[in-house]
Amino acid sequence: MATVVMVVTGTAGDVHPLVAIGGGLTARGHRCTLISHAPYAGRARAAGLEFVPLDTPEEYKRLLQASAELVTRNHDADARRRVAGWYHNATRAKLKFDEVTRRVGSDGSVVIARYVTETDAINAAQAAGVVAAWSLVSPHAVDEARGIDQLHGGAYLDALNIERHRFGLAPVDNWLSWVEASPRLGLWPYWFAPDMENTPGLYTTGFPDDRGRPLPADIWQFLGDGVPPVLVTAGSGMMLAPGFHRAAVKGALCAGFRVLAVGGEPGLISSRRDSRVEHRQSLPLAALIPHVAAVVHHGGIGTVARCFEAGVPQLVLAQGVDRPDNAARAQRLGVAIAVPPAAWRPAEVTQGLRRLCDETQHRQKAAEWAAVMGMNNGVASACDRIEELLN
């Protein structure tokens, strides 16, 4: 039995894949620990993982709100400093470092850390003399790290070396070289980003599946009351500009669909009660998406993956971080239409949904890629690669 410690912060799209992989490793007899945000404790423990919280539910909610501000303010320096100052601080870095070093042994251990952000976990692995690897949930992360190095490499290097000095580690000379020295697990299938396949040190695994929980009975009733609805979801992070929900919901209604909206505040979904609109704060997308006509979403990689898995076409209103890149890749593969923020209007959503649902090519392509996905087990592939690192 080996020890695997996984450290990840972010939204559900960042955390859920590692929970699935951790569950796969646990089923193979390994001891797995997830160090992450408090609200993911139940999901992690249900998958058989040990869990260490980095915060309280209230602190995590505040972090998501602050992160949403980063997107709407285009990641300006003041907003970044506010998030870094109260959340990504020395106290929390030491907590991660201490928990990792306490749990790993001198051999038979591996540390998996979210790419770029969890440098303290990689430092802890290096201090303990065990193997470490990065997890990347979307291809954009590869280029994002290079962009960070070009624009802010000196500042990131200084911060890294301050952290390493605090933990008794030698300084490094180049931030990007240090980052890319550890193996990287790309948690997407090779065909989603063929341009990344020859990247040194990058190993793609496929999208990890996300079984989650079953749908509640009242949602089954809503689904069965008429033709399949359109799903509207903005993800767990809600990191998008105003106008998403109004355009998505009104546009879907104008296209003649009922709407099942997941996430967001009820007032954002509809200003008045409409029997054609059903809202839930949270639902298991893996169980839901196979039963809808199309999905209007924010471009998060988890939602993109579940749509590919179910063979359902996507209308993607993407803004910020990796989401425009995810949308562009899905569109190039023939399963999605991407709508830029400047065009977030009900009429654009109506037109896009009619194209997705009335024309056959998007549905055919979605079915073809779902069949391809069915031939690959992303969790098993990731577990295989981690076991190779252990050996």
Protein backbone atom coordinates (compact mmCIF):
# COMPACT_ATOMS: atom_id res chain seq x y z
CA MET A 1 0.00 0.00 0.00
CA ALA A 2 1.32 3.42 -0.98
CA THR A 3 0.46 6.85 0.39
CA VAL A 4 -0.97 9.49 -1.94
CA VAL A 5 -1.56 13.04 -0.71
CA MET A 6 -3.52 15.37 -2.99
CA VAL A 7 -3.63 19.12 -2.43
CA VAL A 8 -6.07 21.22 -4.43
CA THR A 9 -7.88 24.52 -4.05
CA GLY A 10 -10.42 26.07 -6.41
CA THR A 11 -13.92 25.21 -7.57
CA ALA A 12 -15.70 21.89 -7.97
CA GLY A 13 -14.14 21.56 -11.43
CA ASP A 14 -10.71 21.51 -9.77
CA VAL A 15 -11.58 19.31 -6.78
CA HIS A 16 -14.01 16.68 -8.09
CA PRO A 17 -11.56 15.08 -10.56
CA LEU A 18 -9.04 14.46 -7.78
CA VAL A 19 -11.75 13.01 -5.55
CA ALA A 20 -12.62 10.56 -8.35
CA ILE A 21 -8.95 9.66 -8.86
CA GLY A 22 -8.44 9.31 -5.12
CA GLY A 23 -11.40 6.96 -4.98
CA GLY A 24 -9.84 4.88 -7.74
CA LEU A 25 -6.52 4.71 -5.89
CA THR A 26 -8.26 3.78 -2.65
CA ALA A 27 -10.04 0.94 -4.45
CA ARG A 28 -6.59 -0.31 -5.51
CA GLY A 29 -5.50 -0.47 -1.88
CA HIS A 30 -3.62 2.81 -1.52
CA ARG A 31 -4.06 5.28 1.33
CA CYS A 32 -5.24 8.62 -0.05
CA THR A 33 -5.66 11.98 1.63
CA LEU A 34 -7.27 15.06 0.12
CA ILE A 35 -6.28 18.46 1.49
CA SER A 36 -8.84 20.97 0.24
CA HIS A 37 -11.79 23.20 1.08
CA ALA A 38 -14.13 22.20 3.90
CA PRO A 39 -17.32 21.75 1.80
CA TYR A 40 -15.70 18.84 -0.09
CA ALA A 41 -15.19 16.75 3.06
CA GLY A 42 -18.34 14.66 2.63
CA ARG A 43 -17.66 13.85 -1.00
CA ALA A 44 -14.04 12.92 -0.27
CA ARG A 45 -14.86 10.68 2.68
CA ALA A 46 -17.66 8.98 0.75
CA ALA A 47 -15.03 8.04 -1.86
CA GLY A 48 -12.85 6.51 0.86
CA LEU A 49 -10.34 9.35 1.20
CA GLU A 50 -9.01 10.88 4.37
CA PHE A 51 -9.66 14.60 4.44
CA VAL A 52 -7.94 17.68 5.83
CA PRO A 53 -9.86 20.99 5.59
CA LEU A 54 -7.99 24.15 4.66
CA ASP A 55 -10.77 26.49 5.75
CA THR A 56 -14.32 26.75 7.02
CA PRO A 57 -17.40 26.72 4.75
CA GLU A 58 -17.78 30.45 5.38
CA GLU A 59 -14.18 31.16 4.38
CA TYR A 60 -14.59 29.11 1.21
CA LYS A 61 -17.74 31.01 0.27
CA ARG A 62 -15.85 34.26 0.74
CA LEU A 63 -13.01 32.94 -1.43
CA LEU A 64 -15.42 32.09 -4.26
CA GLN A 65 -16.94 35.57 -4.04
CA ALA A 66 -13.48 37.15 -4.16
CA SER A 67 -12.46 34.92 -7.07
CA ALA A 68 -15.60 35.94 -8.96
CA GLU A 69 -14.52 39.55 -8.48
CA LEU A 70 -11.15 38.68 -10.03
CA VAL A 71 -12.88 37.57 -13.22
CA THR A 72 -15.29 40.50 -13.45
CA ARG A 73 -12.38 42.92 -12.81
CA ASN A 74 -10.15 41.13 -15.33
CA HIS A 75 -7.70 39.94 -12.65
CA ASP A 76 -6.43 43.42 -11.79
CA ALA A 77 -3.58 43.70 -9.30
CA ASP A 78 -5.63 45.15 -6.43
CA ALA A 79 -8.15 42.31 -6.52
CA ARG A 80 -5.34 39.73 -6.69
CA ARG A 81 -3.60 41.24 -3.65
CA ARG A 82 -6.81 41.15 -1.61
CA VAL A 83 -7.30 37.44 -2.28
CA ALA A 84 -3.63 36.65 -1.67
CA GLY A 85 -3.55 38.70 1.51
CA TRP A 86 -6.29 36.98 3.45
CA TYR A 87 -6.51 33.49 1.92
CA HIS A 88 -3.29 32.45 0.18
CA ASN A 89 -1.14 33.45 3.14
CA ALA A 90 1.82 32.05 5.08
CA THR A 91 -0.38 30.43 7.73
CA ARG A 92 -2.33 28.39 5.22
CA ALA A 93 0.85 27.53 3.30
CA LYS A 94 2.40 26.17 6.49
CA LEU A 95 -0.73 24.11 7.18
CA LYS A 96 -0.41 22.44 3.78
CA PHE A 97 3.34 21.93 4.16
CA ASP A 98 2.97 20.40 7.63
CA GLU A 99 0.09 18.10 6.66
CA VAL A 100 1.93 16.80 3.59
CA THR A 101 5.23 16.17 5.37
CA ARG A 102 3.42 14.51 8.29
CA ARG A 103 1.61 12.03 6.05
CA VAL A 104 4.24 10.96 3.53
CA GLY A 105 7.06 8.51 4.12
CA SER A 106 10.58 8.43 2.73
CA ASP A 107 9.40 6.08 -0.03
CA GLY A 108 6.14 4.65 -1.33
CA SER A 109 4.54 8.10 -1.35
CA VAL A 110 3.52 10.61 -3.98
CA VAL A 111 2.13 14.14 -3.70
CA ILE A 112 -0.32 15.47 -6.32
CA ALA A 113 -0.79 19.24 -6.33
CA ARG A 114 -2.93 21.61 -8.38
CA TYR A 115 -0.77 23.13 -11.07
CA VAL A 116 1.04 26.37 -10.23
CA THR A 117 -1.09 27.30 -7.21
CA GLU A 118 -0.03 24.59 -4.73
CA THR A 119 3.71 25.26 -4.68
CA ASP A 120 3.82 24.62 -0.94
CA ALA A 121 2.73 21.00 -1.54
CA ILE A 122 5.53 20.47 -4.09
CA ASN A 123 7.99 22.06 -1.66
CA ALA A 124 6.78 19.70 1.07
CA ALA A 125 7.33 16.69 -1.19
CA GLN A 126 10.83 17.88 -2.02
CA ALA A 127 11.59 18.45 1.67
CA ALA A 128 10.41 14.91 2.44
CA GLY A 129 12.27 13.41 -0.50
CA VAL A 130 9.21 11.91 -2.21
CA VAL A 131 7.83 12.08 -5.73
CA ALA A 132 5.54 14.97 -6.63
CA ALA A 133 3.41 15.71 -9.68
CA TRP A 134 1.08 18.48 -10.76
CA SER A 135 -2.57 18.00 -11.73
CA LEU A 136 -3.94 20.13 -14.58
CA VAL A 137 -7.67 19.98 -15.22
CA SER A 138 -7.58 21.84 -18.55
CA PRO A 139 -5.06 22.47 -21.35
CA HIS A 140 -5.10 26.22 -20.79
CA ALA A 141 -3.03 25.73 -17.63
CA VAL A 142 0.05 24.82 -19.68
CA ASP A 143 0.07 28.14 -21.54
CA GLU A 144 -1.10 30.04 -18.46
CA ALA A 145 2.07 29.07 -16.58
CA ARG A 146 4.20 30.27 -19.48
CA GLY A 147 2.26 33.53 -19.58
CA ILE A 148 2.76 34.03 -15.85
CA ASP A 149 6.47 33.49 -16.29
CA GLN A 150 6.70 36.05 -19.09
CA LEU A 151 4.69 38.71 -17.26
CA HIS A 152 5.41 38.09 -13.58
CA GLY A 153 8.21 35.51 -13.45
CA GLY A 154 10.43 37.60 -11.21
CA ALA A 155 7.71 38.25 -8.64
CA TYR A 156 6.62 34.61 -8.61
CA LEU A 157 10.24 33.48 -8.23
CA ASP A 158 10.74 35.82 -5.27
CA ALA A 159 7.57 34.52 -3.58
CA LEU A 160 8.61 30.91 -4.22
CA ASN A 161 12.07 31.42 -2.74
CA ILE A 162 10.66 33.19 0.32
CA GLU A 163 8.44 30.15 0.84
CA ARG A 164 11.33 27.73 0.29
CA HIS A 165 13.54 29.64 2.74
CA ARG A 166 10.76 29.48 5.34
CA PHE A 167 10.70 25.69 4.97
CA GLY A 168 14.49 25.25 4.94
CA LEU A 169 14.85 24.57 1.21
CA ALA A 170 17.48 25.94 -1.16
CA PRO A 171 16.47 28.75 -3.53
CA VAL A 172 15.82 28.11 -7.21
CA ASP A 173 16.97 30.20 -10.16
CA ASN A 174 13.99 30.08 -12.50
CA TRP A 175 10.32 29.83 -11.56
CA LEU A 176 9.05 28.16 -14.76
CA SER A 177 11.92 25.67 -14.89
CA TRP A 178 11.16 24.67 -11.29
CA VAL A 179 7.45 24.28 -12.09
CA GLU A 180 8.03 22.20 -15.21
CA ALA A 181 10.61 19.95 -13.53
CA SER A 182 7.80 17.95 -11.87
CA PRO A 183 5.62 15.63 -14.01
CA ARG A 184 2.24 17.00 -15.04
CA LEU A 185 -0.96 14.98 -15.24
CA GLY A 186 -3.30 16.48 -17.83
CA LEU A 187 -6.79 15.35 -16.84
CA TRP A 188 -8.25 15.47 -20.35
CA PRO A 189 -8.21 13.08 -23.35
CA TYR A 190 -5.52 13.51 -25.98
CA TRP A 191 -8.08 14.38 -28.68
CA PHE A 192 -9.35 17.37 -26.69
CA ALA A 193 -5.95 19.08 -26.99
CA PRO A 194 -3.86 17.38 -29.68
CA ASP A 195 -1.62 20.46 -29.83
CA MET A 196 -0.40 19.62 -26.30
CA GLU A 197 0.54 16.00 -26.96
CA ASN A 198 4.26 16.64 -27.49
CA THR A 199 4.68 18.83 -24.41
CA PRO A 200 7.64 17.44 -22.40
CA GLY A 201 6.65 16.05 -19.01
CA LEU A 202 2.89 16.23 -19.71
CA TYR A 203 0.86 13.00 -19.56
CA THR A 204 -2.82 13.09 -20.53
CA THR A 205 -5.22 10.67 -18.88
CA GLY A 206 -8.74 11.40 -20.13
CA PHE A 207 -11.56 13.18 -18.30
CA PRO A 208 -12.09 11.55 -14.89
CA ASP A 209 -15.71 10.47 -14.56
CA ASP A 210 -17.88 12.02 -11.87
CA ARG A 211 -20.57 9.68 -10.66
CA GLY A 212 -21.73 11.90 -7.79
CA ARG A 213 -25.16 11.42 -6.27
CA PRO A 214 -28.48 10.43 -7.93
CA LEU A 215 -31.12 12.90 -9.05
CA PRO A 216 -33.91 13.71 -6.57
CA ALA A 217 -37.44 12.49 -7.31
CA ASP A 218 -38.90 15.94 -8.03
CA ILE A 219 -36.30 16.55 -10.74
CA TRP A 220 -37.18 13.24 -12.37
CA GLN A 221 -40.79 14.44 -12.35
CA PHE A 222 -39.85 17.76 -13.98
CA LEU A 223 -37.81 15.95 -16.63
CA GLY A 224 -40.72 13.64 -17.39
CA ASP A 225 -43.38 16.35 -17.66
CA GLY A 226 -42.59 17.26 -21.26
CA VAL A 227 -39.88 17.39 -23.89
CA PRO A 228 -36.33 17.46 -22.49
CA PRO A 229 -35.47 20.89 -21.06
CA VAL A 230 -32.37 22.99 -21.54
CA LEU A 231 -29.95 22.98 -18.63
CA VAL A 232 -28.49 26.37 -17.64
CA THR A 233 -25.55 26.27 -15.24
CA ALA A 234 -22.80 28.71 -14.34
CA GLY A 235 -20.70 26.30 -12.28
CA SER A 236 -19.86 26.30 -8.60
CA GLY A 237 -17.57 29.33 -8.76
CA MET A 238 -20.05 31.77 -10.32
CA MET A 239 -17.06 33.56 -11.88
CA LEU A 240 -18.77 35.42 -14.68
CA ALA A 241 -20.05 38.82 -15.66
CA PRO A 242 -23.62 39.98 -15.06
CA GLY A 243 -26.01 39.08 -17.84
CA PHE A 244 -25.25 35.37 -18.10
CA HIS A 245 -28.42 34.11 -16.43
CA ARG A 246 -30.78 36.59 -18.03
CA ALA A 247 -29.48 35.85 -21.52
CA ALA A 248 -29.36 32.08 -20.98
CA VAL A 249 -32.78 31.63 -19.36
CA LYS A 250 -34.72 34.10 -21.48
CA GLY A 251 -33.02 32.89 -24.65
CA ALA A 252 -33.89 29.26 -23.90
CA LEU A 253 -37.52 30.15 -23.17
CA CYS A 254 -37.77 32.12 -26.41
CA ALA A 255 -36.43 29.07 -28.25
CA GLY A 256 -39.41 27.12 -26.89
CA PHE A 257 -37.64 25.11 -24.20
CA ARG A 258 -38.36 24.60 -20.56
CA VAL A 259 -35.36 25.50 -18.39
CA LEU A 260 -33.68 23.70 -15.53
CA ALA A 261 -31.29 26.21 -13.94
CA VAL A 262 -28.59 25.01 -11.55
CA GLY A 263 -26.64 27.42 -9.37
CA GLY A 264 -26.93 31.17 -9.10
CA GLU A 265 -29.30 33.21 -7.00
CA PRO A 266 -33.03 32.68 -7.72
CA GLY A 267 -33.44 36.38 -8.52
CA LEU A 268 -30.83 36.08 -11.26
CA ILE A 269 -32.66 33.18 -12.86
CA SER A 270 -36.10 34.76 -13.22
CA SER A 271 -37.67 37.90 -11.83
CA ARG A 272 -41.06 36.18 -11.52
CA ARG A 273 -42.33 32.68 -11.01
CA ASP A 274 -42.55 30.81 -14.31
CA SER A 275 -43.76 27.21 -14.44
CA ARG A 276 -41.39 26.60 -17.35
CA VAL A 277 -38.35 27.34 -15.16
CA GLU A 278 -37.13 25.08 -12.38
CA HIS A 279 -34.22 26.23 -10.21
CA ARG A 280 -31.95 24.25 -7.89
CA GLN A 281 -28.83 25.47 -6.15
CA SER A 282 -27.02 22.20 -6.81
CA LEU A 283 -27.64 19.00 -8.78
CA PRO A 284 -25.36 16.15 -9.90
CA LEU A 285 -24.57 17.09 -13.49
CA ALA A 286 -23.30 13.63 -14.46
CA ALA A 287 -26.74 12.19 -13.66
CA LEU A 288 -28.67 15.13 -15.12
CA ILE A 289 -27.04 16.01 -18.44
CA PRO A 290 -27.96 12.80 -20.31
CA HIS A 291 -31.63 13.80 -19.92
CA VAL A 292 -31.55 17.37 -21.30
CA ALA A 293 -31.76 18.66 -24.86
CA ALA A 294 -28.73 20.95 -24.59
CA VAL A 295 -26.61 22.68 -21.97
CA VAL A 296 -26.00 26.43 -21.74
CA HIS A 297 -22.99 26.86 -19.49
CA HIS A 298 -19.96 28.91 -18.50
CA GLY A 299 -17.23 26.78 -20.08
CA GLY A 300 -15.91 25.13 -16.92
CA ILE A 301 -13.96 22.00 -17.75
CA GLY A 302 -16.08 19.78 -15.51
CA THR A 303 -19.28 20.75 -17.32
CA VAL A 304 -17.57 20.43 -20.70
CA ALA A 305 -16.44 16.91 -19.77
CA ARG A 306 -19.89 15.82 -18.60
CA CYS A 307 -21.44 17.07 -21.86
CA PHE A 308 -18.90 15.11 -23.91
CA GLU A 309 -19.57 12.06 -21.75
CA ALA A 310 -23.35 12.29 -22.25
CA GLY A 311 -23.23 13.21 -25.95
CA VAL A 312 -25.20 16.43 -25.41
CA PRO A 313 -24.53 19.62 -27.45
CA GLN A 314 -23.33 22.73 -25.65
CA LEU A 315 -23.88 26.48 -25.93
CA VAL A 316 -20.94 28.00 -24.10
CA LEU A 317 -21.00 31.53 -22.68
CA ALA A 318 -17.40 31.60 -21.51
CA GLN A 319 -15.46 34.30 -19.73
CA GLY A 320 -12.17 34.25 -17.83
CA VAL A 321 -9.32 31.85 -17.06
CA ASP A 322 -9.51 28.54 -18.97
CA ARG A 323 -13.12 28.76 -20.08
CA PRO A 324 -12.81 30.53 -23.47
CA ASP A 325 -10.13 27.98 -24.41
CA ASN A 326 -12.35 25.08 -23.32
CA ALA A 327 -15.21 26.55 -25.37
CA ALA A 328 -13.04 26.99 -28.45
CA ARG A 329 -11.81 23.39 -28.24
CA ALA A 330 -15.35 22.03 -27.88
CA GLN A 331 -16.47 24.15 -30.83
CA ARG A 332 -13.60 22.91 -33.02
CA LEU A 333 -14.66 19.34 -32.22
CA GLY A 334 -18.15 20.11 -33.54
CA VAL A 335 -20.16 19.72 -30.32
CA ALA A 336 -20.53 23.33 -29.18
CA ILE A 337 -21.23 26.91 -30.17
CA ALA A 338 -19.22 29.52 -28.28
CA VAL A 339 -20.80 32.90 -27.51
CA PRO A 340 -18.41 35.69 -26.39
CA PRO A 341 -19.48 38.02 -23.54
CA ALA A 342 -20.16 40.90 -25.93
CA ALA A 343 -22.92 38.77 -27.49
CA TRP A 344 -24.57 37.60 -24.26
CA ARG A 345 -28.10 38.49 -25.34
CA PRO A 346 -31.29 36.39 -25.28
CA ALA A 347 -31.56 36.52 -29.08
CA GLU A 348 -28.05 35.07 -29.47
CA VAL A 349 -28.88 32.24 -27.07
CA THR A 350 -32.16 31.52 -28.87
CA GLN A 351 -30.39 31.36 -32.22
CA GLY A 352 -27.60 29.17 -30.85
CA LEU A 353 -29.97 26.69 -29.22
CA ARG A 354 -32.04 26.38 -32.38
CA ARG A 355 -28.89 25.59 -34.36
CA LEU A 356 -27.75 23.03 -31.79
CA CYS A 357 -31.09 21.26 -31.54
CA ASP A 358 -32.62 21.64 -35.00
CA GLU A 359 -29.55 20.93 -37.11
CA THR A 360 -28.19 17.41 -36.99
CA GLN A 361 -24.42 17.92 -37.17
CA HIS A 362 -23.86 19.00 -33.56
CA ARG A 363 -25.92 16.14 -32.13
CA GLN A 364 -24.17 13.64 -34.41
CA LYS A 365 -20.72 14.88 -33.41
CA ALA A 366 -21.69 14.84 -29.73
CA ALA A 367 -22.79 11.21 -30.05
CA GLU A 368 -19.56 10.29 -31.85
CA TRP A 369 -17.35 11.83 -29.16
CA ALA A 370 -19.42 10.21 -26.41
CA ALA A 371 -18.67 6.84 -28.00
CA VAL A 372 -14.96 7.70 -28.08
CA MET A 373 -15.06 8.73 -24.42
CA GLY A 374 -16.70 5.44 -23.55
CA MET A 375 -13.57 3.63 -24.71
CA ASN A 376 -11.34 5.41 -22.18
CA ASN A 377 -11.47 5.39 -18.38
CA GLY A 378 -9.91 8.64 -17.23
CA VAL A 379 -9.77 7.61 -13.58
CA ALA A 380 -8.05 4.31 -14.36
CA SER A 381 -5.56 6.03 -16.66
CA ALA A 382 -4.71 8.61 -14.00
CA CYS A 383 -4.34 5.89 -11.36
CA ASP A 384 -2.04 3.93 -13.67
CA ARG A 385 0.18 6.96 -14.16
CA ILE A 386 0.35 7.72 -10.43
CA GLU A 387 1.31 4.10 -9.73
CA GLU A 388 4.08 4.44 -12.33
CA LEU A 389 5.35 7.46 -10.39
CA LEU A 390 5.29 5.41 -7.20
CA ASN A 391 7.41 2.73 -8.84
